[in-house]
């Protein structure tokens, strides 16, 4: 009939096929290989305890991205750069898709009050997410140098941090008050 099959060749073929299948699942199964995303950085000055890589980024409750990296910057003032990726396919209508590609559109959104803020996903678990929304009453504070070429979105303190700051100011003013 024919030659006897070589077990080494058959084994190498099977191992190669399994390796290709695993590689295909990793690359194509995650969906990130073909994803159209844009990176942004946000510098938070308060605690990010409860925020983790993979936490959602939402705009008015709509999930549009995810946290990709959390770092620590021990410069003049300790800040925490949080890197996120925004899915460009989730931002549509009226040129909003250019938000992440065109720096002029991003600047216009920031001028209208676009800010990032940490919010609680669940009071029970303490997990946080990044909330993007318009807060025109706040002034933007940038940390990265203008020539760095980063897509930076300014941040505002959490509601709890704002309440703590207000309470601190009230206590400080009470200490100055002469009760006699």
N, C-alpha and C. Protein backbone atom coordinates (compact mmCIF):
# COMPACT_ATOMS: atom_id res chain seq x y z
N UNK A 1 0.83 -1.17 0.00
CA UNK A 1 0.00 0.00 0.00
C UNK A 1 0.88 1.24 0.00
N UNK A 2 1.11 1.80 1.08
CA UNK A 2 1.92 2.99 1.16
C UNK A 2 2.83 2.92 2.36
N UNK A 3 3.47 4.04 2.57
CA UNK A 3 4.37 4.10 3.72
C UNK A 3 3.58 4.21 5.00
N UNK A 4 4.24 3.79 6.06
CA UNK A 4 3.64 3.90 7.39
C UNK A 4 3.77 5.35 7.87
N UNK A 5 2.70 5.88 8.53
CA UNK A 5 2.70 7.26 9.00
C UNK A 5 3.73 7.45 10.10
N UNK A 6 4.43 8.59 10.04
CA UNK A 6 5.45 8.92 11.02
C UNK A 6 4.77 9.61 12.20
N UNK A 7 4.84 9.03 13.42
CA UNK A 7 4.18 9.64 14.58
C UNK A 7 4.73 11.02 14.94
N UNK A 8 5.99 11.30 14.67
CA UNK A 8 6.59 12.60 14.98
C UNK A 8 5.96 13.68 14.11
N UNK A 9 5.75 13.39 12.84
CA UNK A 9 5.14 14.37 11.93
C UNK A 9 3.69 14.62 12.34
N UNK A 10 2.98 13.56 12.68
CA UNK A 10 1.58 13.72 13.10
C UNK A 10 1.52 14.52 14.40
N UNK A 11 2.39 14.25 15.35
CA UNK A 11 2.43 15.00 16.61
C UNK A 11 2.75 16.47 16.39
N UNK A 12 3.73 16.75 15.52
CA UNK A 12 4.09 18.14 15.22
C UNK A 12 2.92 18.87 14.57
N UNK A 13 2.20 18.16 13.68
CA UNK A 13 1.03 18.77 13.03
C UNK A 13 -0.05 19.11 14.05
N UNK A 14 -0.32 18.20 14.96
CA UNK A 14 -1.36 18.43 15.98
C UNK A 14 -0.96 19.58 16.91
N UNK A 15 0.29 19.60 17.37
CA UNK A 15 0.76 20.68 18.25
C UNK A 15 0.68 22.02 17.53
N UNK A 16 1.07 22.08 16.26
CA UNK A 16 0.99 23.31 15.47
C UNK A 16 -0.44 23.78 15.30
N UNK A 17 -1.36 22.85 15.03
CA UNK A 17 -2.76 23.21 14.87
C UNK A 17 -3.35 23.76 16.16
N UNK A 18 -3.02 23.14 17.30
CA UNK A 18 -3.52 23.62 18.59
C UNK A 18 -2.94 25.01 18.89
N UNK A 19 -1.66 25.21 18.61
CA UNK A 19 -1.03 26.52 18.85
C UNK A 19 -1.69 27.60 18.00
N UNK A 20 -1.97 27.31 16.74
CA UNK A 20 -2.64 28.28 15.87
C UNK A 20 -4.05 28.57 16.35
N UNK A 21 -4.77 27.55 16.83
CA UNK A 21 -6.12 27.75 17.34
C UNK A 21 -6.10 28.65 18.57
N UNK A 22 -5.18 28.41 19.49
CA UNK A 22 -5.08 29.24 20.69
C UNK A 22 -4.71 30.67 20.31
N UNK A 23 -3.76 30.85 19.41
CA UNK A 23 -3.36 32.18 18.96
C UNK A 23 -4.54 32.91 18.32
N UNK A 24 -5.30 32.21 17.50
CA UNK A 24 -6.47 32.81 16.86
C UNK A 24 -7.51 33.25 17.86
N UNK A 25 -7.75 32.44 18.88
CA UNK A 25 -8.72 32.80 19.91
C UNK A 25 -8.26 34.02 20.69
N UNK A 26 -6.97 34.07 21.01
CA UNK A 26 -6.44 35.21 21.77
C UNK A 26 -6.53 36.49 20.95
N UNK A 27 -6.12 36.44 19.70
CA UNK A 27 -6.09 37.66 18.89
C UNK A 27 -7.48 38.10 18.47
N UNK A 28 -8.25 37.20 17.90
CA UNK A 28 -9.54 37.58 17.34
C UNK A 28 -10.67 37.51 18.36
N UNK A 29 -10.55 36.69 19.36
CA UNK A 29 -11.60 36.53 20.35
C UNK A 29 -11.76 37.73 21.25
N UNK A 30 -10.68 38.45 21.52
CA UNK A 30 -10.77 39.60 22.41
C UNK A 30 -11.47 40.76 21.75
N UNK A 31 -11.48 40.81 20.42
CA UNK A 31 -12.13 41.90 19.70
C UNK A 31 -11.30 43.16 19.67
N UNK A 32 -10.19 43.20 20.36
CA UNK A 32 -9.38 44.40 20.42
C UNK A 32 -8.47 44.55 19.20
N UNK A 33 -8.30 43.46 18.45
CA UNK A 33 -7.40 43.51 17.30
C UNK A 33 -7.94 44.46 16.23
N UNK A 34 -9.25 44.44 16.04
CA UNK A 34 -9.87 45.28 15.03
C UNK A 34 -10.59 46.49 15.62
N UNK A 35 -10.45 46.72 16.89
CA UNK A 35 -11.15 47.81 17.55
C UNK A 35 -10.57 49.16 17.12
N UNK A 36 -11.45 50.13 16.92
CA UNK A 36 -11.07 51.49 16.55
C UNK A 36 -11.15 52.34 17.81
N UNK A 37 -10.04 52.43 18.54
CA UNK A 37 -10.02 53.15 19.81
C UNK A 37 -9.01 54.29 19.78
N UNK A 38 -9.20 55.23 20.68
CA UNK A 38 -8.27 56.36 20.83
C UNK A 38 -7.91 56.47 22.31
N UNK A 39 -6.60 56.60 22.63
CA UNK A 39 -6.21 56.73 24.03
C UNK A 39 -6.37 58.17 24.54
N UNK A 40 -6.75 58.26 25.81
CA UNK A 40 -6.84 59.55 26.51
C UNK A 40 -6.21 59.37 27.88
N UNK A 41 -5.75 60.48 28.46
CA UNK A 41 -5.21 60.44 29.82
C UNK A 41 -5.96 61.46 30.66
N UNK A 42 -6.17 61.10 31.93
CA UNK A 42 -6.81 61.98 32.90
C UNK A 42 -5.98 61.92 34.17
N UNK A 43 -5.69 63.05 34.75
CA UNK A 43 -4.88 63.11 35.97
C UNK A 43 -5.77 63.38 37.17
N UNK A 44 -5.88 62.41 38.06
CA UNK A 44 -6.69 62.57 39.26
C UNK A 44 -5.78 62.89 40.45
N UNK A 45 -6.21 63.83 41.28
CA UNK A 45 -5.40 64.21 42.45
C UNK A 45 -5.84 63.46 43.70
N UNK A 46 -7.05 62.96 43.73
CA UNK A 46 -7.55 62.23 44.89
C UNK A 46 -7.32 60.73 44.75
N UNK A 47 -7.86 59.99 45.68
CA UNK A 47 -7.71 58.55 45.70
C UNK A 47 -8.47 57.89 44.55
N UNK A 48 -7.86 56.89 43.96
CA UNK A 48 -8.51 56.10 42.91
C UNK A 48 -8.76 54.68 43.41
N UNK A 49 -8.79 54.52 44.74
CA UNK A 49 -9.04 53.21 45.33
C UNK A 49 -10.40 52.71 44.88
N UNK A 50 -10.44 51.57 44.22
CA UNK A 50 -11.68 51.03 43.67
C UNK A 50 -11.71 51.08 42.16
N UNK A 51 -10.77 51.83 41.56
CA UNK A 51 -10.66 51.87 40.11
C UNK A 51 -9.61 50.86 39.69
N UNK A 52 -9.87 50.12 38.64
CA UNK A 52 -8.91 49.12 38.18
C UNK A 52 -8.88 49.09 36.66
N UNK A 53 -7.83 48.47 36.13
CA UNK A 53 -7.73 48.29 34.68
C UNK A 53 -8.94 47.47 34.24
N UNK A 54 -9.61 47.95 33.22
CA UNK A 54 -10.83 47.31 32.75
C UNK A 54 -12.09 47.98 33.23
N UNK A 55 -11.98 48.90 34.20
CA UNK A 55 -13.16 49.63 34.67
C UNK A 55 -13.76 50.41 33.51
N UNK A 56 -15.08 50.56 33.49
CA UNK A 56 -15.71 51.24 32.36
C UNK A 56 -15.50 52.75 32.39
N UNK A 57 -15.55 53.33 31.19
CA UNK A 57 -15.60 54.77 31.00
C UNK A 57 -16.98 55.05 30.40
N UNK A 58 -17.75 55.92 31.06
CA UNK A 58 -19.11 56.18 30.62
C UNK A 58 -19.31 57.66 30.36
N UNK A 59 -20.17 57.95 29.39
CA UNK A 59 -20.61 59.32 29.13
C UNK A 59 -22.11 59.34 29.30
N UNK A 60 -22.57 60.04 30.35
CA UNK A 60 -24.00 60.10 30.69
C UNK A 60 -24.61 58.70 30.77
N UNK A 61 -23.86 57.76 31.35
CA UNK A 61 -24.36 56.42 31.57
C UNK A 61 -24.11 55.44 30.44
N UNK A 62 -23.64 55.91 29.28
CA UNK A 62 -23.37 55.04 28.15
C UNK A 62 -21.90 54.64 28.18
N UNK A 63 -21.63 53.34 28.23
CA UNK A 63 -20.25 52.86 28.27
C UNK A 63 -19.60 53.08 26.90
N UNK A 64 -18.52 53.88 26.89
CA UNK A 64 -17.86 54.20 25.63
C UNK A 64 -16.40 53.77 25.61
N UNK A 65 -15.90 53.21 26.69
CA UNK A 65 -14.51 52.80 26.72
C UNK A 65 -14.17 52.10 28.01
N UNK A 66 -12.84 51.95 28.23
CA UNK A 66 -12.37 51.24 29.42
C UNK A 66 -11.02 51.80 29.86
N UNK A 67 -10.73 51.63 31.14
CA UNK A 67 -9.44 52.02 31.70
C UNK A 67 -8.39 51.00 31.24
N UNK A 68 -7.26 51.50 30.73
CA UNK A 68 -6.21 50.59 30.26
C UNK A 68 -4.98 50.60 31.14
N UNK A 69 -4.76 51.68 31.91
CA UNK A 69 -3.57 51.76 32.75
C UNK A 69 -3.78 52.79 33.84
N UNK A 70 -3.27 52.47 35.03
CA UNK A 70 -3.31 53.41 36.16
C UNK A 70 -1.87 53.51 36.67
N UNK A 71 -1.36 54.73 36.75
CA UNK A 71 0.03 54.94 37.16
C UNK A 71 0.08 55.90 38.32
N UNK A 72 1.28 56.18 38.79
CA UNK A 72 1.49 57.14 39.87
C UNK A 72 2.57 58.11 39.43
N UNK A 73 2.26 59.41 39.47
CA UNK A 73 3.20 60.46 39.10
C UNK A 73 3.57 61.22 40.37
N UNK A 74 4.81 61.04 40.82
CA UNK A 74 5.26 61.70 42.05
C UNK A 74 6.01 62.98 41.73
N UNK A 75 5.49 63.79 40.84
CA UNK A 75 6.09 65.07 40.50
C UNK A 75 5.92 66.06 41.64
N UNK A 76 5.77 67.34 41.29
CA UNK A 76 5.59 68.39 42.29
C UNK A 76 4.39 68.09 43.18
N UNK A 77 3.31 67.68 42.55
CA UNK A 77 2.10 67.30 43.29
C UNK A 77 1.74 65.88 42.85
N UNK A 78 1.58 64.99 43.81
CA UNK A 78 1.28 63.59 43.47
C UNK A 78 -0.06 63.51 42.74
N UNK A 79 -0.01 63.01 41.55
CA UNK A 79 -1.21 62.82 40.75
C UNK A 79 -1.22 61.41 40.19
N UNK A 80 -2.38 60.96 39.81
CA UNK A 80 -2.52 59.60 39.29
C UNK A 80 -3.02 59.69 37.85
N UNK A 81 -2.12 59.44 36.89
CA UNK A 81 -2.57 59.41 35.49
C UNK A 81 -3.33 58.11 35.22
N UNK A 82 -4.52 58.28 34.71
CA UNK A 82 -5.37 57.14 34.34
C UNK A 82 -5.53 57.17 32.83
N UNK A 83 -5.04 56.12 32.18
CA UNK A 83 -5.14 56.01 30.73
C UNK A 83 -6.39 55.22 30.38
N UNK A 84 -7.13 55.73 29.42
CA UNK A 84 -8.34 55.04 28.97
C UNK A 84 -8.32 54.96 27.45
N UNK A 85 -9.10 54.04 26.92
CA UNK A 85 -9.32 53.97 25.48
C UNK A 85 -10.80 54.15 25.23
N UNK A 86 -11.11 55.07 24.33
CA UNK A 86 -12.49 55.34 23.95
C UNK A 86 -12.75 54.63 22.62
N UNK A 87 -13.84 53.88 22.56
CA UNK A 87 -14.24 53.18 21.35
C UNK A 87 -14.91 54.17 20.41
N UNK A 88 -14.24 54.45 19.30
CA UNK A 88 -14.75 55.47 18.36
C UNK A 88 -16.08 55.06 17.72
N UNK A 89 -16.36 53.78 17.66
CA UNK A 89 -17.62 53.32 17.05
C UNK A 89 -18.82 53.57 17.96
N UNK A 90 -18.58 53.86 19.23
CA UNK A 90 -19.68 54.11 20.15
C UNK A 90 -20.05 55.59 20.24
N UNK A 91 -19.29 56.44 19.54
CA UNK A 91 -19.57 57.87 19.52
C UNK A 91 -19.99 58.21 18.10
N UNK A 92 -21.26 58.55 17.91
CA UNK A 92 -21.78 58.80 16.57
C UNK A 92 -22.60 60.08 16.55
N UNK A 93 -22.97 60.49 15.35
CA UNK A 93 -23.89 61.60 15.09
C UNK A 93 -23.25 62.97 15.25
N UNK A 94 -23.58 63.82 14.33
CA UNK A 94 -23.19 65.23 14.31
C UNK A 94 -21.70 65.45 14.49
N UNK A 95 -20.88 64.65 13.87
CA UNK A 95 -19.44 64.84 13.92
C UNK A 95 -18.80 64.44 15.23
N UNK A 96 -19.56 63.82 16.11
CA UNK A 96 -19.01 63.44 17.41
C UNK A 96 -17.94 62.38 17.26
N UNK A 97 -17.97 61.62 16.16
CA UNK A 97 -16.95 60.61 15.93
C UNK A 97 -15.57 61.21 15.79
N UNK A 98 -15.51 62.48 15.41
CA UNK A 98 -14.23 63.16 15.27
C UNK A 98 -13.68 63.60 16.63
N UNK A 99 -14.48 63.45 17.68
CA UNK A 99 -14.10 63.85 19.03
C UNK A 99 -12.73 63.31 19.41
N UNK A 100 -12.48 62.05 19.10
CA UNK A 100 -11.24 61.43 19.52
C UNK A 100 -10.13 61.56 18.49
N UNK A 101 -10.47 61.88 17.27
CA UNK A 101 -9.44 61.96 16.22
C UNK A 101 -8.95 63.39 15.99
N UNK A 102 -9.81 64.36 16.20
CA UNK A 102 -9.49 65.75 15.88
C UNK A 102 -9.28 66.54 17.17
N UNK A 103 -8.04 67.01 17.41
CA UNK A 103 -7.77 67.78 18.64
C UNK A 103 -8.64 69.03 18.77
N UNK A 104 -9.05 69.63 17.65
CA UNK A 104 -9.88 70.83 17.72
C UNK A 104 -11.26 70.50 18.27
N UNK A 105 -11.82 69.34 17.91
CA UNK A 105 -13.13 68.94 18.42
C UNK A 105 -13.02 68.62 19.91
N UNK A 106 -11.92 67.97 20.32
CA UNK A 106 -11.71 67.70 21.74
C UNK A 106 -11.59 69.00 22.52
N UNK A 107 -10.84 69.95 21.98
CA UNK A 107 -10.67 71.25 22.66
C UNK A 107 -12.01 71.96 22.79
N UNK A 108 -12.84 71.90 21.75
CA UNK A 108 -14.16 72.52 21.81
C UNK A 108 -15.03 71.87 22.89
N UNK A 109 -14.97 70.54 23.00
CA UNK A 109 -15.74 69.83 24.03
C UNK A 109 -15.25 70.23 25.42
N UNK A 110 -13.94 70.35 25.59
CA UNK A 110 -13.38 70.76 26.89
C UNK A 110 -13.79 72.19 27.21
N UNK A 111 -13.78 73.07 26.20
CA UNK A 111 -14.20 74.45 26.41
C UNK A 111 -15.68 74.52 26.80
N UNK A 112 -16.49 73.57 26.32
CA UNK A 112 -17.91 73.53 26.69
C UNK A 112 -18.12 72.90 28.06
N UNK A 113 -17.05 72.32 28.66
CA UNK A 113 -17.15 71.80 30.02
C UNK A 113 -16.94 70.31 30.17
N UNK A 114 -16.41 69.62 29.15
CA UNK A 114 -16.17 68.19 29.28
C UNK A 114 -15.15 67.94 30.38
N UNK A 115 -15.53 67.12 31.38
CA UNK A 115 -14.65 66.79 32.49
C UNK A 115 -14.82 65.31 32.83
N UNK A 116 -13.79 64.75 33.45
CA UNK A 116 -13.83 63.37 33.92
C UNK A 116 -13.95 63.40 35.44
N UNK A 117 -14.71 62.46 35.96
CA UNK A 117 -14.92 62.37 37.41
C UNK A 117 -15.07 60.89 37.76
N UNK A 118 -14.53 60.51 38.91
CA UNK A 118 -14.70 59.14 39.37
C UNK A 118 -16.04 59.02 40.08
N UNK A 119 -16.78 57.97 39.74
CA UNK A 119 -18.06 57.70 40.38
C UNK A 119 -18.11 56.25 40.82
N UNK A 120 -18.98 55.98 41.74
CA UNK A 120 -19.11 54.64 42.30
C UNK A 120 -20.03 53.77 41.45
N UNK A 121 -19.54 52.57 41.09
CA UNK A 121 -20.39 51.59 40.39
C UNK A 121 -21.35 50.97 41.37
N UNK A 122 -20.85 50.70 42.58
CA UNK A 122 -21.65 50.04 43.60
C UNK A 122 -21.16 50.47 44.97
N UNK A 123 -22.07 50.85 45.82
CA UNK A 123 -21.70 51.22 47.19
C UNK A 123 -21.21 49.99 47.95
N UNK A 124 -21.79 48.84 47.64
CA UNK A 124 -21.44 47.61 48.34
C UNK A 124 -20.00 47.18 48.02
N UNK A 125 -19.63 47.19 46.74
CA UNK A 125 -18.30 46.71 46.36
C UNK A 125 -17.23 47.79 46.41
N UNK A 126 -17.62 49.04 46.31
CA UNK A 126 -16.65 50.13 46.32
C UNK A 126 -15.93 50.32 44.99
N UNK A 127 -16.40 49.66 43.95
CA UNK A 127 -15.77 49.79 42.63
C UNK A 127 -16.11 51.14 42.02
N UNK A 128 -15.14 51.70 41.30
CA UNK A 128 -15.31 53.00 40.65
C UNK A 128 -15.29 52.86 39.14
N UNK A 129 -15.83 53.87 38.46
CA UNK A 129 -15.71 53.99 37.01
C UNK A 129 -15.44 55.45 36.69
N UNK A 130 -15.01 55.71 35.46
CA UNK A 130 -14.73 57.08 35.03
C UNK A 130 -15.98 57.61 34.32
N UNK A 131 -16.52 58.70 34.83
CA UNK A 131 -17.70 59.33 34.26
C UNK A 131 -17.28 60.58 33.50
N UNK A 132 -17.63 60.65 32.23
CA UNK A 132 -17.41 61.86 31.44
C UNK A 132 -18.74 62.59 31.33
N UNK A 133 -18.70 63.89 31.53
CA UNK A 133 -19.92 64.69 31.43
C UNK A 133 -19.53 66.15 31.29
N UNK A 134 -20.50 66.97 30.97
CA UNK A 134 -20.25 68.41 30.84
C UNK A 134 -20.49 69.10 32.18
N UNK A 135 -19.49 69.85 32.62
CA UNK A 135 -19.56 70.66 33.83
C UNK A 135 -19.03 72.05 33.46
N UNK A 136 -19.87 72.87 32.80
CA UNK A 136 -19.38 74.16 32.30
C UNK A 136 -19.01 75.15 33.41
N UNK A 137 -19.46 74.88 34.64
CA UNK A 137 -19.15 75.80 35.74
C UNK A 137 -17.74 75.61 36.28
N UNK A 138 -17.01 74.60 35.82
CA UNK A 138 -15.66 74.33 36.32
C UNK A 138 -14.62 74.77 35.31
N UNK A 139 -13.49 75.19 35.82
CA UNK A 139 -12.37 75.58 34.96
C UNK A 139 -11.50 74.35 34.69
N UNK A 140 -11.06 74.18 33.45
CA UNK A 140 -10.20 73.02 33.15
C UNK A 140 -8.81 73.20 33.74
N UNK A 141 -8.29 72.13 34.32
CA UNK A 141 -6.94 72.12 34.85
C UNK A 141 -6.16 71.04 34.12
N UNK A 142 -5.13 71.44 33.39
CA UNK A 142 -4.31 70.49 32.63
C UNK A 142 -3.02 70.23 33.37
N UNK A 143 -2.54 69.00 33.32
CA UNK A 143 -1.32 68.61 34.00
C UNK A 143 -0.19 68.37 33.00
N UNK A 144 -0.49 67.69 31.92
CA UNK A 144 0.52 67.38 30.91
C UNK A 144 0.94 68.65 30.20
N UNK A 145 2.22 68.76 29.83
CA UNK A 145 2.66 69.94 29.07
C UNK A 145 1.92 70.02 27.73
N UNK A 146 1.62 71.23 27.27
CA UNK A 146 0.87 71.38 26.03
C UNK A 146 1.55 70.74 24.82
N UNK A 147 2.87 70.68 24.83
CA UNK A 147 3.60 70.11 23.69
C UNK A 147 3.79 68.60 23.80
N UNK A 148 3.20 67.96 24.79
CA UNK A 148 3.36 66.52 24.99
C UNK A 148 2.60 65.71 23.95
N UNK A 149 1.60 66.31 23.31
CA UNK A 149 0.84 65.61 22.29
C UNK A 149 -0.11 64.57 22.84
N UNK A 150 -0.53 64.73 24.09
CA UNK A 150 -1.45 63.77 24.71
C UNK A 150 -2.88 64.28 24.59
N UNK A 151 -3.82 63.36 24.48
CA UNK A 151 -5.23 63.70 24.54
C UNK A 151 -5.62 63.70 26.01
N UNK A 152 -5.53 64.86 26.65
CA UNK A 152 -5.84 64.95 28.08
C UNK A 152 -7.23 65.52 28.29
N UNK A 153 -7.99 64.85 29.15
CA UNK A 153 -9.31 65.34 29.55
C UNK A 153 -9.19 65.80 31.00
N UNK A 154 -9.53 67.07 31.29
CA UNK A 154 -9.42 67.57 32.66
C UNK A 154 -10.36 66.81 33.61
N UNK A 155 -10.00 66.81 34.88
CA UNK A 155 -10.79 66.09 35.88
C UNK A 155 -11.35 67.06 36.91
N UNK A 156 -12.38 66.60 37.61
CA UNK A 156 -12.92 67.33 38.74
C UNK A 156 -12.99 66.35 39.91
N UNK A 157 -12.97 66.86 41.15
CA UNK A 157 -13.04 65.97 42.31
C UNK A 157 -14.36 65.21 42.38
N UNK A 158 -14.34 64.10 43.08
CA UNK A 158 -15.57 63.33 43.28
C UNK A 158 -16.51 64.14 44.17
N UNK A 159 -17.76 63.74 44.20
CA UNK A 159 -18.75 64.42 45.04
C UNK A 159 -18.35 64.34 46.51
N UNK A 160 -17.81 63.20 46.92
CA UNK A 160 -17.36 63.04 48.31
C UNK A 160 -16.19 63.97 48.60
N UNK A 161 -15.25 64.09 47.68
CA UNK A 161 -14.11 65.00 47.88
C UNK A 161 -14.59 66.44 47.96
N UNK A 162 -15.58 66.81 47.14
CA UNK A 162 -16.12 68.17 47.19
C UNK A 162 -16.80 68.44 48.53
N UNK A 163 -17.53 67.44 49.05
CA UNK A 163 -18.20 67.59 50.35
C UNK A 163 -17.17 67.71 51.47
N UNK A 164 -16.10 66.91 51.41
CA UNK A 164 -15.06 66.99 52.43
C UNK A 164 -14.37 68.34 52.39
N UNK A 165 -14.13 68.87 51.19
CA UNK A 165 -13.50 70.18 51.07
C UNK A 165 -14.41 71.27 51.64
N UNK A 166 -15.70 71.20 51.34
CA UNK A 166 -16.65 72.19 51.87
C UNK A 166 -16.72 72.11 53.39
N UNK A 167 -16.75 70.89 53.93
CA UNK A 167 -16.78 70.72 55.39
C UNK A 167 -15.51 71.27 56.01
N UNK A 168 -14.38 71.06 55.38
CA UNK A 168 -13.12 71.61 55.88
C UNK A 168 -13.13 73.13 55.90
N UNK A 169 -13.70 73.73 54.86
CA UNK A 169 -13.78 75.20 54.81
C UNK A 169 -14.72 75.73 55.90
N UNK A 170 -15.82 75.02 56.15
CA UNK A 170 -16.75 75.45 57.20
C UNK A 170 -16.07 75.37 58.56
N UNK A 171 -15.36 74.28 58.81
CA UNK A 171 -14.65 74.12 60.09
C UNK A 171 -13.58 75.19 60.25
N UNK A 172 -12.86 75.48 59.17
CA UNK A 172 -11.83 76.52 59.23
C UNK A 172 -12.44 77.89 59.53
N UNK A 173 -13.60 78.18 58.93
CA UNK A 173 -14.24 79.47 59.20
C UNK A 173 -14.81 79.54 60.60
N UNK A 174 -15.27 78.41 61.14
CA UNK A 174 -15.75 78.37 62.52
C UNK A 174 -14.61 78.59 63.52
N UNK A 175 -13.44 78.08 63.18
CA UNK A 175 -12.28 78.28 64.08
C UNK A 175 -11.90 79.75 64.14
N UNK A 176 -12.11 80.48 63.06
CA UNK A 176 -11.76 81.90 63.04
C UNK A 176 -12.79 82.75 63.77
N UNK A 177 -14.00 82.25 63.91
CA UNK A 177 -15.10 83.00 64.51
C UNK A 177 -14.90 83.10 66.04
N UNK A 178 -15.06 84.28 66.56
CA UNK A 178 -14.95 84.50 68.01
C UNK A 178 -16.33 84.39 68.64
N UNK A 179 -16.53 83.30 69.39
CA UNK A 179 -17.85 83.04 69.98
C UNK A 179 -18.13 83.93 71.17
N UNK A 180 -17.16 84.56 71.73
CA UNK A 180 -17.38 85.42 72.90
C UNK A 180 -17.88 86.73 72.39
